[in-house]
Structures are given as C-alpha cells and as structure tokens.
C-alpha atoms as a PDB file:
ATOM      1  CA  MET A   1      -0.124  19.652  39.654  1.00  0.00           C
ATOM      2  CA  ASN A   2       2.277  19.612  36.599  1.00  0.00           C
ATOM      3  CA  ILE A   3       0.995  16.251  35.184  1.00  0.00           C
ATOM      4  CA  THR A   4       3.364  16.005  32.437  1.00  0.00           C
ATOM      5  CA  ARG A   5       6.517  16.665  34.574  1.00  0.00           C
ATOM      6  CA  THR A   6       5.161  14.634  37.524  1.00  0.00           C
ATOM      7  CA  ILE A   7       4.721  11.448  34.665  1.00  0.00           C
ATOM      8  CA  LEU A   8       8.091  11.354  34.442  1.00  0.00           C
ATOM      9  CA  ALA A   9       8.368   9.584  37.699  1.00  0.00           C
ATOM     10  CA  MET A  10       5.451   7.204  37.090  1.00  0.00           C
ATOM     11  CA  LEU A  11       4.738   6.389  33.362  1.00  0.00           C
ATOM     12  CA  LEU A  12      -1.232  -2.058  30.411  1.00  0.00           C
ATOM     13  CA  LEU A  13      -1.395  -2.005  33.700  1.00  0.00           C
ATOM     14  CA  VAL A  14      -0.576  -9.835  44.794  1.00  0.00           C
ATOM     15  CA  SER A  15       0.689 -11.966  41.677  1.00  0.00           C
ATOM     16  CA  LEU A  16       0.305 -15.934  41.925  1.00  0.00           C
ATOM     17  CA  ALA A  17       3.956 -16.024  41.371  1.00  0.00           C
ATOM     18  CA  GLY A  18       7.132 -13.923  42.759  1.00  0.00           C
ATOM     19  CA  ASN A  19       9.174 -14.349  39.503  1.00  0.00           C
ATOM     20  CA  THR A  20       7.175 -13.804  36.387  1.00  0.00           C
ATOM     21  CA  SER A  21       8.212 -13.835  32.924  1.00  0.00           C
ATOM     22  CA  PHE A  22       7.529 -11.341  29.945  1.00  0.00           C
ATOM     23  CA  ALA A  23       6.762 -14.054  27.391  1.00  0.00           C
ATOM     24  CA  GLN A  24       7.027 -17.613  26.432  1.00  0.00           C
ATOM     25  CA  ASN A  25       8.983 -20.408  28.121  1.00  0.00           C
ATOM     26  CA  LYS A  26      12.439 -21.413  26.966  1.00  0.00           C
ATOM     27  CA  LYS A  27      12.276 -23.280  23.711  1.00  0.00           C
ATOM     28  CA  PRO A  28      14.478 -26.538  23.263  1.00  0.00           C
ATOM     29  CA  ALA A  29      17.847 -25.286  22.638  1.00  0.00           C
ATOM     30  CA  LYS A  30      19.108 -24.890  18.452  1.00  0.00           C
ATOM     31  CA  LYS A  31      21.324 -22.691  16.647  1.00  0.00           C
ATOM     32  CA  ALA A  32      20.286 -19.263  16.513  1.00  0.00           C
ATOM     33  CA  ASP A  33      21.415 -16.116  14.951  1.00  0.00           C
ATOM     34  CA  ALA A  34      22.011 -12.928  16.956  1.00  0.00           C
ATOM     35  CA  LYS A  35      18.388 -11.923  16.758  1.00  0.00           C
ATOM     36  CA  GLU A  36      16.692 -15.126  17.537  1.00  0.00           C
ATOM     37  CA  LYS A  37      18.975 -15.178  20.556  1.00  0.00           C
ATOM     38  CA  THR A  38      17.919 -11.484  21.823  1.00  0.00           C
ATOM     39  CA  THR A  39      14.275 -12.385  21.368  1.00  0.00           C
ATOM     40  CA  THR A  40      14.826 -15.436  23.464  1.00  0.00           C
ATOM     41  CA  GLU A  41      16.492 -13.803  26.353  1.00  0.00           C
ATOM     42  CA  SER A  42      13.738 -10.882  26.402  1.00  0.00           C
ATOM     43  CA  ALA A  43      11.147 -13.443  26.397  1.00  0.00           C
ATOM     44  CA  GLU A  44      12.589 -15.169  29.380  1.00  0.00           C
ATOM     45  CA  LYS A  45      13.065 -11.978  31.348  1.00  0.00           C
ATOM     46  CA  SER A  46      10.725 -10.635  34.193  1.00  0.00           C
ATOM     47  CA  TYR A  47       9.484  -6.935  33.701  1.00  0.00           C
ATOM     48  CA  LEU A  48       7.595  -4.576  35.849  1.00  0.00           C
ATOM     49  CA  ILE A  49       4.754  -2.412  33.864  1.00  0.00           C
ATOM     50  CA  THR A  50       3.640   0.870  34.898  1.00  0.00           C
ATOM     51  CA  VAL A  51       0.242   2.186  33.461  1.00  0.00           C
ATOM     52  CA  THR A  52      -0.561   5.887  33.837  1.00  0.00           C
ATOM     53  CA  LYS A  53      -4.160   6.738  33.179  1.00  0.00           C
ATOM     54  CA  LEU A  54      -4.259  10.174  31.666  1.00  0.00           C
ATOM     55  CA  HIS A  55      -7.204  12.141  30.278  1.00  0.00           C
ATOM     56  CA  ARG A  56      -7.565  14.565  27.518  1.00  0.00           C
ATOM     57  CA  ASN A  57      -8.456  18.438  28.119  1.00  0.00           C
ATOM     58  CA  ILE A  58     -11.542  18.173  26.098  1.00  0.00           C
ATOM     59  CA  ASP A  59     -11.780  22.141  26.697  1.00  0.00           C
ATOM     60  CA  HIS A  60      -8.232  22.698  24.778  1.00  0.00           C
ATOM     61  CA  LYS A  61      -8.503  23.606  21.179  1.00  0.00           C
ATOM     62  CA  GLY A  62      -5.263  21.770  19.984  1.00  0.00           C
ATOM     63  CA  THR A  63      -5.666  19.210  17.288  1.00  0.00           C
ATOM     64  CA  ALA A  64      -4.906  15.190  17.458  1.00  0.00           C
ATOM     65  CA  ALA A  65      -1.833  16.072  15.003  1.00  0.00           C
ATOM     66  CA  GLU A  66      -0.297  18.827  17.246  1.00  0.00           C
ATOM     67  CA  TRP A  67      -0.473  16.487  20.446  1.00  0.00           C
ATOM     68  CA  LYS A  68       1.178  13.996  18.606  1.00  0.00           C
ATOM     69  CA  ALA A  69       3.731  16.014  17.334  1.00  0.00           C
ATOM     70  CA  LEU A  70       4.368  17.127  20.672  1.00  0.00           C
ATOM     71  CA  GLU A  71       4.564  13.585  22.450  1.00  0.00           C
ATOM     72  CA  LYS A  72       6.906  12.681  19.259  1.00  0.00           C
ATOM     73  CA  GLN A  73       9.227  15.590  20.240  1.00  0.00           C
ATOM     74  CA  TYR A  74       9.329  14.561  23.790  1.00  0.00           C
ATOM     75  CA  PHE A  75       9.762  10.642  22.916  1.00  0.00           C
ATOM     76  CA  ASP A  76      12.621  11.321  20.780  1.00  0.00           C
ATOM     77  CA  LYS A  77      14.373  13.365  22.803  1.00  0.00           C
ATOM     78  CA  VAL A  78      13.746  11.688  26.424  1.00  0.00           C
ATOM     79  CA  THR A  79      11.788   8.301  26.142  1.00  0.00           C
ATOM     80  CA  LYS A  80      13.944   6.752  23.508  1.00  0.00           C
ATOM     81  CA  LYS A  81      17.190   7.938  25.013  1.00  0.00           C
ATOM     82  CA  ASN A  82      16.633   6.473  28.448  1.00  0.00           C
ATOM     83  CA  ASP A  83      18.149   3.142  28.734  1.00  0.00           C
ATOM     84  CA  LEU A  84      16.249   2.367  32.221  1.00  0.00           C
ATOM     85  CA  ILE A  85      12.906   2.193  30.008  1.00  0.00           C
ATOM     86  CA  VAL A  86      12.896  -0.948  28.180  1.00  0.00           C
ATOM     87  CA  GLY A  87       9.522  -0.429  26.223  1.00  0.00           C
ATOM     88  CA  GLN A  88       6.822   2.102  26.071  1.00  0.00           C
ATOM     89  CA  GLU A  89       3.251   1.804  24.449  1.00  0.00           C
ATOM     90  CA  VAL A  90       0.862   4.805  24.300  1.00  0.00           C
ATOM     91  CA  LEU A  91      -2.894   3.690  23.812  1.00  0.00           C
ATOM     92  CA  THR A  92      -5.734   5.826  23.241  1.00  0.00           C
ATOM     93  CA  HIS A  93      -9.582   5.320  23.770  1.00  0.00           C
ATOM     94  CA  TYR A  94     -11.257   3.099  21.370  1.00  0.00           C
ATOM     95  CA  PHE A  95     -14.437   1.365  23.055  1.00  0.00           C
ATOM     96  CA  THR A  96     -13.993   2.301  26.895  1.00  0.00           C
ATOM     97  CA  GLU A  97     -16.475   3.867  29.293  1.00  0.00           C
ATOM     98  CA  ASP A  98     -14.211   7.147  29.285  1.00  0.00           C
ATOM     99  CA  ASN A  99     -13.548   8.623  25.784  1.00  0.00           C
ATOM    100  CA  THR A 100     -10.649  11.064  27.236  1.00  0.00           C
ATOM    101  CA  GLU A 101      -8.367   8.136  28.345  1.00  0.00           C
ATOM    102  CA  ILE A 102      -4.895   7.994  27.411  1.00  0.00           C
ATOM    103  CA  LEU A 103      -3.011   5.120  28.803  1.00  0.00           C
ATOM    104  CA  LEU A 104       0.789   5.304  29.367  1.00  0.00           C
ATOM    105  CA  VAL A 105       2.397   1.903  29.558  1.00  0.00           C
ATOM    106  CA  THR A 106       5.923   1.570  30.430  1.00  0.00           C
ATOM    107  CA  ILE A 107       8.149  -1.535  30.927  1.00  0.00           C
ATOM    108  CA  TYR A 108      11.084  -1.556  33.313  1.00  0.00           C
ATOM    109  CA  ASN A 109      13.613  -3.996  34.534  1.00  0.00           C
ATOM    110  CA  SER A 110      13.028  -3.459  38.191  1.00  0.00           C
ATOM    111  CA  TRP A 111      11.658  -1.355  40.953  1.00  0.00           C
ATOM    112  CA  ALA A 112      14.773   0.254  41.288  1.00  0.00           C
ATOM    113  CA  ASP A 113      14.554   1.600  37.592  1.00  0.00           C
ATOM    114  CA  ILE A 114      11.201   3.026  38.003  1.00  0.00           C
ATOM    115  CA  GLU A 115      12.639   5.339  40.574  1.00  0.00           C
ATOM    116  CA  ASN A 116      15.807   5.964  38.805  1.00  0.00           C
ATOM    117  CA  ALA A 117      13.995   6.868  35.502  1.00  0.00           C
ATOM    118  CA  SER A 118      12.884   9.814  36.697  1.00  0.00           C
ATOM    119  CA  ALA A 119      16.094  11.477  37.164  1.00  0.00           C
ATOM    120  CA  LYS A 120      17.511  10.258  33.948  1.00  0.00           C
ATOM    121  CA  ASN A 121      14.443  11.794  32.268  1.00  0.00           C
ATOM    122  CA  ASN A 122      15.146  15.139  34.205  1.00  0.00           C
ATOM    123  CA  GLU A 123      18.788  14.977  33.016  1.00  0.00           C
ATOM    124  CA  LEU A 124      17.310  14.141  29.269  1.00  0.00           C
ATOM    125  CA  VAL A 125      14.957  17.098  29.489  1.00  0.00           C
ATOM    126  CA  LYS A 126      17.529  19.638  30.594  1.00  0.00           C
ATOM    127  CA  ALA A 127      19.927  18.546  27.965  1.00  0.00           C
ATOM    128  CA  ALA A 128      17.032  18.433  25.154  1.00  0.00           C
ATOM    129  CA  TRP A 129      15.907  22.170  26.275  1.00  0.00           C
ATOM    130  CA  PRO A 130      18.901  23.792  27.969  1.00  0.00           C
ATOM    131  CA  ASP A 131      16.936  27.071  28.023  1.00  0.00           C
ATOM    132  CA  GLU A 132      14.416  27.321  30.650  1.00  0.00           C
ATOM    133  CA  THR A 133      12.351  29.709  29.100  1.00  0.00           C
ATOM    134  CA  ALA A 134      12.202  27.434  25.949  1.00  0.00           C
ATOM    135  CA  ARG A 135      11.341  24.424  28.015  1.00  0.00           C
ATOM    136  CA  ASN A 136       8.651  25.769  29.953  1.00  0.00           C
ATOM    137  CA  THR A 137       7.034  26.921  26.714  1.00  0.00           C
ATOM    138  CA  PHE A 138       7.346  23.484  25.276  1.00  0.00           C
ATOM    139  CA  PHE A 139       6.014  21.556  28.284  1.00  0.00           C
ATOM    140  CA  ASP A 140       3.258  24.218  28.924  1.00  0.00           C
ATOM    141  CA  LYS A 141       2.005  23.605  25.705  1.00  0.00           C
ATOM    142  CA  ARG A 142       2.112  19.591  26.111  1.00  0.00           C
ATOM    143  CA  GLU A 143       0.584  19.866  29.453  1.00  0.00           C
ATOM    144  CA  ALA A 144      -2.360  21.783  28.207  1.00  0.00           C
ATOM    145  CA  PHE A 145      -3.732  18.738  26.106  1.00  0.00           C
ATOM    146  CA  TYR A 146      -4.189  16.908  29.507  1.00  0.00           C
ATOM    147  CA  ALA A 147      -7.121  17.473  32.304  1.00  0.00           C
ATOM    148  CA  ASN A 148      -5.708  17.892  36.008  1.00  0.00           C
ATOM    149  CA  GLU A 149      -6.032  14.147  36.872  1.00  0.00           C
ATOM    150  CA  HIS A 150      -4.596  10.867  36.589  1.00  0.00           C
ATOM    151  CA  SER A 151      -4.146   7.173  38.196  1.00  0.00           C
ATOM    152  CA  ASP A 152      -1.220   4.922  38.259  1.00  0.00           C
ATOM    153  CA  GLU A 153      -0.747   1.104  38.876  1.00  0.00           C
ATOM    154  CA  ILE A 154       1.786  -1.098  38.495  1.00  0.00           C
ATOM    155  CA  LEU A 155       1.814  -4.855  36.946  1.00  0.00           C
ATOM    156  CA  SER A 156       3.967  -7.838  36.957  1.00  0.00           C
ATOM    157  CA  THR A 157       4.373  -9.642  33.726  1.00  0.00           C
ATOM    158  CA  TYR A 158       3.161 -13.149  33.555  1.00  0.00           C
ATOM    159  CA  PRO A 159       4.351 -16.287  31.697  1.00  0.00           C
ATOM    160  CA  PHE A 160       3.072 -17.291  28.320  1.00  0.00           C
ATOM    161  CA  ALA A 161       2.880 -14.108  26.580  1.00  0.00           C
ATOM    162  CA  LYS A 162       2.765 -14.231  22.602  1.00  0.00           C
ATOM    163  CA  LEU A 163       5.595 -11.946  21.035  1.00  0.00           C
ATOM    164  CA  PRO A 164       4.919  -9.844  17.817  1.00  0.00           C
ATOM    165  CA  LYS A 165       6.800 -11.312  15.078  1.00  0.00           C
ATOM    166  CA  ALA A 166       7.732  -7.779  13.919  1.00  0.00           C
ATOM    167  CA  GLU A 167       7.337  -4.028  15.154  1.00  0.00           C
ATOM    168  CA  PHE A 168       4.101  -2.723  14.423  1.00  0.00           C
ATOM    169  CA  THR A 169       3.884   0.146  11.983  1.00  0.00           C
ATOM    170  CA  LYS A 170       0.345   0.846  12.105  1.00  0.00           C
ATOM    171  CA  PRO A 171      -2.181   1.488  14.965  1.00  0.00           C
ATOM    172  CA  MET A 172      -3.143  -1.483  16.417  1.00  0.00           C
ATOM    173  CA  ILE A 173      -6.375  -2.767  18.266  1.00  0.00           C
ATOM    174  CA  HIS A 174      -5.517  -3.613  21.974  1.00  0.00           C
ATOM    175  CA  TYR A 175      -8.424  -5.699  23.215  1.00  0.00           C
ATOM    176  CA  VAL A 176      -7.935  -5.729  27.179  1.00  0.00           C
ATOM    177  CA  ARG A 177      -9.814  -8.393  29.475  1.00  0.00           C
ATOM    178  CA  LYS A 178      -9.359  -7.924  33.072  1.00  0.00           C
ATOM    179  CA  ASP A 179     -10.681 -11.096  35.126  1.00  0.00           C
ATOM    180  CA  HIS A 180     -10.359 -11.320  39.019  1.00  0.00           C
ATOM    181  CA  PHE A 181      -8.671 -14.437  40.713  1.00  0.00           C
ATOM    182  CA  SER A 182     -10.850 -16.419  43.104  1.00  0.00           C
ATOM    183  CA  PHE A 183      -7.851 -17.909  45.153  1.00  0.00           C
ATOM    184  CA  PRO A 184      -9.275 -21.312  45.258  1.00  0.00           C
ATOM    185  CA  LYS A 185      -7.983 -23.414  48.365  1.00  0.00           C
ATOM    186  CA  ASP A 186      -7.604 -26.454  46.261  1.00  0.00           C
ATOM    187  CA  GLY A 187      -5.652 -24.542  43.525  1.00  0.00           C
ATOM    188  CA  THR A 188      -1.744 -24.324  43.099  1.00  0.00           C
ATOM    189  CA  GLU A 189       0.567 -21.620  41.192  1.00  0.00           C
ATOM    190  CA  LYS A 190       1.730 -24.888  39.215  1.00  0.00           C
ATOM    191  CA  GLU A 191      -1.814 -26.168  38.162  1.00  0.00           C
ATOM    192  CA  PHE A 192      -2.684 -22.597  36.773  1.00  0.00           C
ATOM    193  CA  ARG A 193       0.648 -22.205  35.032  1.00  0.00           C
ATOM    194  CA  GLU A 194       0.049 -25.695  33.259  1.00  0.00           C
ATOM    195  CA  LEU A 195      -3.747 -24.623  32.280  1.00  0.00           C
ATOM    196  CA  LEU A 196      -2.626 -21.446  30.997  1.00  0.00           C
ATOM    197  CA  GLY A 197       0.557 -22.537  29.239  1.00  0.00           C
ATOM    198  CA  LYS A 198      -1.595 -25.145  27.471  1.00  0.00           C
ATOM    199  CA  TYR A 199      -4.310 -22.770  26.364  1.00  0.00           C
ATOM    200  CA  ARG A 200      -1.433 -20.403  25.101  1.00  0.00           C
ATOM    201  CA  ASP A 201       0.170 -23.244  23.193  1.00  0.00           C
ATOM    202  CA  GLU A 202      -3.132 -24.743  21.699  1.00  0.00           C
ATOM    203  CA  VAL A 203      -5.104 -21.535  20.872  1.00  0.00           C
ATOM    204  CA  ILE A 204      -3.428 -18.488  21.400  1.00  0.00           C
ATOM    205  CA  ASN A 205      -0.090 -19.076  19.353  1.00  0.00           C
ATOM    206  CA  LYS A 206      -2.076 -20.899  16.622  1.00  0.00           C
ATOM    207  CA  ASN A 207      -4.594 -18.155  16.339  1.00  0.00           C
ATOM    208  CA  ASP A 208      -3.109 -15.796  13.321  1.00  0.00           C
ATOM    209  CA  PHE A 209      -5.559 -13.349  14.315  1.00  0.00           C
ATOM    210  CA  ILE A 210      -3.715 -12.660  17.662  1.00  0.00           C
ATOM    211  CA  LYS A 211      -0.500 -10.778  16.701  1.00  0.00           C
ATOM    212  CA  ALA A 212       0.716 -10.363  20.210  1.00  0.00           C
ATOM    213  CA  TYR A 213      -0.829 -11.577  23.797  1.00  0.00           C
ATOM    214  CA  TYR A 214       0.430 -10.063  27.181  1.00  0.00           C
ATOM    215  CA  PRO A 215      -0.780 -11.522  30.551  1.00  0.00           C
ATOM    216  CA  ASN A 216      -0.138  -9.465  33.666  1.00  0.00           C
ATOM    217  CA  VAL A 217      -0.970  -9.695  37.318  1.00  0.00           C
ATOM    218  CA  HIS A 218      -1.170  -7.190  39.720  1.00  0.00           C
ATOM    219  CA  ALA A 219       2.021  -5.833  41.612  1.00  0.00           C
ATOM    220  CA  TRP A 220       0.605  -2.443  43.033  1.00  0.00           C
ATOM    221  CA  GLY A 221      -2.774  -0.703  42.737  1.00  0.00           C
ATOM    222  CA  ALA A 222      -6.297  -0.756  43.948  1.00  0.00           C
ATOM    223  CA  ASN A 223      -7.202  -4.608  43.080  1.00  0.00           C
ATOM    224  CA  LYS A 224      -4.924  -7.590  44.012  1.00  0.00           C
ATOM    225  CA  THR A 225      -7.256  -9.752  42.306  1.00  0.00           C
ATOM    226  CA  GLU A 226      -7.121  -8.438  38.814  1.00  0.00           C
ATOM    227  CA  PHE A 227      -5.486 -10.637  35.926  1.00  0.00           C
ATOM    228  CA  THR A 228      -5.477  -8.408  32.921  1.00  0.00           C
ATOM    229  CA  GLU A 229      -4.994  -9.778  29.530  1.00  0.00           C
ATOM    230  CA  VAL A 230      -3.971  -7.699  26.309  1.00  0.00           C
ATOM    231  CA  PHE A 231      -4.883  -9.157  22.863  1.00  0.00           C
ATOM    232  CA  VAL A 232      -3.653  -7.311  19.878  1.00  0.00           C
ATOM    233  CA  VAL A 233      -5.022  -7.496  16.659  1.00  0.00           C
ATOM    234  CA  GLU A 234      -5.055  -5.391  13.427  1.00  0.00           C
ATOM    235  CA  SER A 235      -8.934  -4.573  13.200  1.00  0.00           C
ATOM    236  CA  LEU A 236     -12.056  -4.336  15.214  1.00  0.00           C
ATOM    237  CA  ALA A 237     -13.425  -6.955  12.662  1.00  0.00           C
ATOM    238  CA  ASP A 238     -10.545  -8.864  13.819  1.00  0.00           C
ATOM    239  CA  ILE A 239     -11.728  -9.191  17.268  1.00  0.00           C
ATOM    240  CA  GLU A 240     -14.869 -11.288  16.446  1.00  0.00           C
ATOM    241  CA  LYS A 241     -12.542 -13.421  14.228  1.00  0.00           C
ATOM    242  CA  MET A 242     -10.214 -14.122  16.666  1.00  0.00           C
ATOM    243  CA  PHE A 243     -13.092 -15.451  18.849  1.00  0.00           C
ATOM    244  CA  ASP A 244     -14.311 -17.573  16.088  1.00  0.00           C
ATOM    245  CA  LYS A 245     -10.526 -18.959  15.602  1.00  0.00           C
ATOM    246  CA  ASP A 246     -10.183 -19.470  19.319  1.00  0.00           C
ATOM    247  CA  GLU A 247     -13.491 -21.790  19.473  1.00  0.00           C
ATOM    248  CA  GLU A 248     -12.299 -23.724  16.563  1.00  0.00           C
ATOM    249  CA  LEU A 249      -8.659 -24.494  17.964  1.00  0.00           C
ATOM    250  CA  ALA A 250     -10.062 -25.220  21.407  1.00  0.00           C
ATOM    251  CA  LYS A 251     -12.453 -27.846  19.950  1.00  0.00           C
ATOM    252  CA  ALA A 252      -9.389 -29.378  17.950  1.00  0.00           C
ATOM    253  CA  ALA A 253      -7.218 -28.979  21.224  1.00  0.00           C
ATOM    254  CA  TRP A 254      -9.982 -30.666  23.299  1.00  0.00           C
ATOM    255  CA  PRO A 255     -12.264 -32.745  20.771  1.00  0.00           C
ATOM    256  CA  ASP A 256     -14.026 -34.735  23.547  1.00  0.00           C
ATOM    257  CA  LYS A 257     -16.690 -33.083  25.790  1.00  0.00           C
ATOM    258  CA  ALA A 258     -15.455 -35.088  28.672  1.00  0.00           C
ATOM    259  CA  GLY A 259     -11.885 -33.535  28.163  1.00  0.00           C
ATOM    260  CA  SER A 260     -12.708 -29.977  27.628  1.00  0.00           C
ATOM    261  CA  ASP A 261     -15.233 -29.958  30.363  1.00  0.00           C
ATOM    262  CA  ALA A 262     -12.421 -31.191  32.762  1.00  0.00           C
ATOM    263  CA  TYR A 263      -9.858 -28.318  31.382  1.00  0.00           C
ATOM    264  CA  TRP A 264     -12.612 -25.497  31.796  1.00  0.00           C
ATOM    265  CA  ASP A 265     -13.823 -26.935  35.218  1.00  0.00           C
ATOM    266  CA  LYS A 266     -10.000 -26.602  36.465  1.00  0.00           C
ATOM    267  CA  TYR A 267      -9.346 -23.304  34.510  1.00  0.00           C
ATOM    268  CA  ASN A 268     -12.438 -21.474  35.715  1.00  0.00           C
ATOM    269  CA  LYS A 269     -11.995 -22.293  39.534  1.00  0.00           C
ATOM    270  CA  TYR A 270      -9.180 -19.720  39.595  1.00  0.00           C
ATOM    271  CA  PHE A 271     -11.602 -16.989  38.735  1.00  0.00           C
ATOM    272  CA  THR A 272     -14.824 -15.534  40.028  1.00  0.00           C
ATOM    273  CA  GLY A 273     -16.510 -15.325  36.535  1.00  0.00           C
ATOM    274  CA  LYS A 274     -16.680 -11.611  36.639  1.00  0.00           C
ATOM    275  CA  HIS A 275     -14.589  -9.849  33.882  1.00  0.00           C
ATOM    276  CA  SER A 276     -14.384  -6.348  32.099  1.00  0.00           C
ATOM    277  CA  ASP A 277     -13.595  -5.547  28.462  1.00  0.00           C
ATOM    278  CA  TYR A 278     -11.719  -2.455  26.977  1.00  0.00           C
ATOM    279  CA  LEU A 279     -10.504  -1.445  23.405  1.00  0.00           C
ATOM    280  CA  TYR A 280      -7.739   0.765  22.830  1.00  0.00           C
ATOM    281  CA  MET A 281      -5.689   2.012  20.017  1.00  0.00           C
ATOM    282  CA  SER A 282      -2.037   2.313  19.603  1.00  0.00           C
ATOM    283  CA  VAL A 283      -0.067   4.912  18.394  1.00  0.00           C
ATOM    284  CA  PRO A 284       3.112   3.551  16.928  1.00  0.00           C
ATOM    285  CA  GLU A 285       5.043   6.782  16.378  1.00  0.00           C
ATOM    286  CA  LEU A 286       5.332   6.981  20.473  1.00  0.00           C
ATOM    287  CA  THR A 287       6.196   3.271  20.729  1.00  0.00           C
ATOM    288  CA  LYS A 288       9.635   1.901  22.092  1.00  0.00           C
END
C-alpha cells in the first residue's frame, strides 16, 4: 500500500456532547481588535481531528534531516495551500511504547471536509509536480521513510481548551493522557462540563507551565470510552513542575478538605480510574 498517497485522505486523535468546542467558552463582551476577534471565533467553533499513526521504516538509511526536508516540501506545496485543512501537527515519539511512531494530527471543520480534502490534495500535488516521473520520484523517496502500516482515528474537540498565546517556533513536548469514561447512571453532560470547566478555570488556565491544553473525545475509532487530554509544555522538566503547580492551584481553589473531596468524588465518577500516558515532540516546521 502506498502510505504517503493514501494518507492524503486520512491525515491527537461516542462524545458526551454532540456539539463540541475547540477551546474556551465565550468571554464577556468587550472591545477587541481583529486578532482578538479571530481568536475568539476560532475558540468557539467545533472541529474534527483525524490522527494517523505512521511508523518509521527503521531499515531505511535516510536521515532525520532528509525526512524533514521532504515533509517540509510537501507541507509547503500542499498542506499549507489546502484551505479545507484548518490545522496540522506532526508529533514524533519521545516516550511511548513504540519508538517508530509518528502522529499526523489534522483539524477539519466537518466530515465533508475530511473527504473533500483528499481531492484537493491531489489537485495540489499535480500542480506542484506536473511531471509524472518527477512526482513519482518525490513520493517514492518520501514513502521510503515509512513502514507499511498505519492506523487512523477521528476525535471530536471538547470545550475548555487553553489556546497558545503565540505560535510555537521550537519543538514542544506534548503530554497525552488517555482516560476512560465510565458513563455513570447519575451523571449528566451538564455536570461534567461544569466540573471540567471549573478545573480549567482554576488550575489549567492559571498554570503557566501549561502552554496549551486540548481535551478531545472519541468520534470514530477503536474505543468510544476514551477521553484524550493533550498538555503542551516546553520541556520534560516542565512536566514535573506542571504537576506541582497543579497541586498548588488545586489547593488554592478547594482549600478545605470537604470541598475538595466533594469536587473530586463528582469528577472521578465519570472515569474508570484507568489511564495511559504518552509523550511526543512536535515538529514546528510542519505545523499549520
């Protein structure tokens, strides 16, 4: 299978909510410049995220620099020019169970755009490499860096993300935590949103070590119970600092034990208690 051509169609990741948001809830109305208005509108919008897990071909002798150069060429000529692709992130293995992993994370406005983006990519590919021989040569070189296996899943964005204050110009650590919903009979979507929103406001937004935060829920894939949270930090050391700061901020938000226990009892009933952790490194040159 020609992976690099197939992934044109499918490029972190049953929701509790049918209509979800990419980021923070709307803030109180205020005068805003054009940039602030655009950011607010993006934060309100719902998105779908496709995650394709690719694998390095460990037998290939090419270098990381050569791989990045090929991907950057494709990124500049195709991905950046495809207006159906809202955003993209390429994440490489840092601490996971498989050192060959490469995640291609792509953001779309709708299911239709996921399908139509493939046709648009094909148009852009032919325009960028009009000569068939040159086109095949490029994609053969690109494909050689990947093993003949990949997997796909689609996530739906969930409210209460923390958007970055600026574009990341250096590689960032992405700490990915996957919990599993327990679907309690006495639980409600409204209560879960209130609980998560409270934690976002009191802890995540106030923790300066967290440069960005993205919660996502299952839309299509192997496990509908997954709740995926992505915490973006600058370094491995900042993960430990992030946890320490989280604890400090949580104690400030819930200073008495009774209040803290009441909050966490409500929040934790929505999860099985089982979770998994992964660390990836971003490639800023391939970020849209």
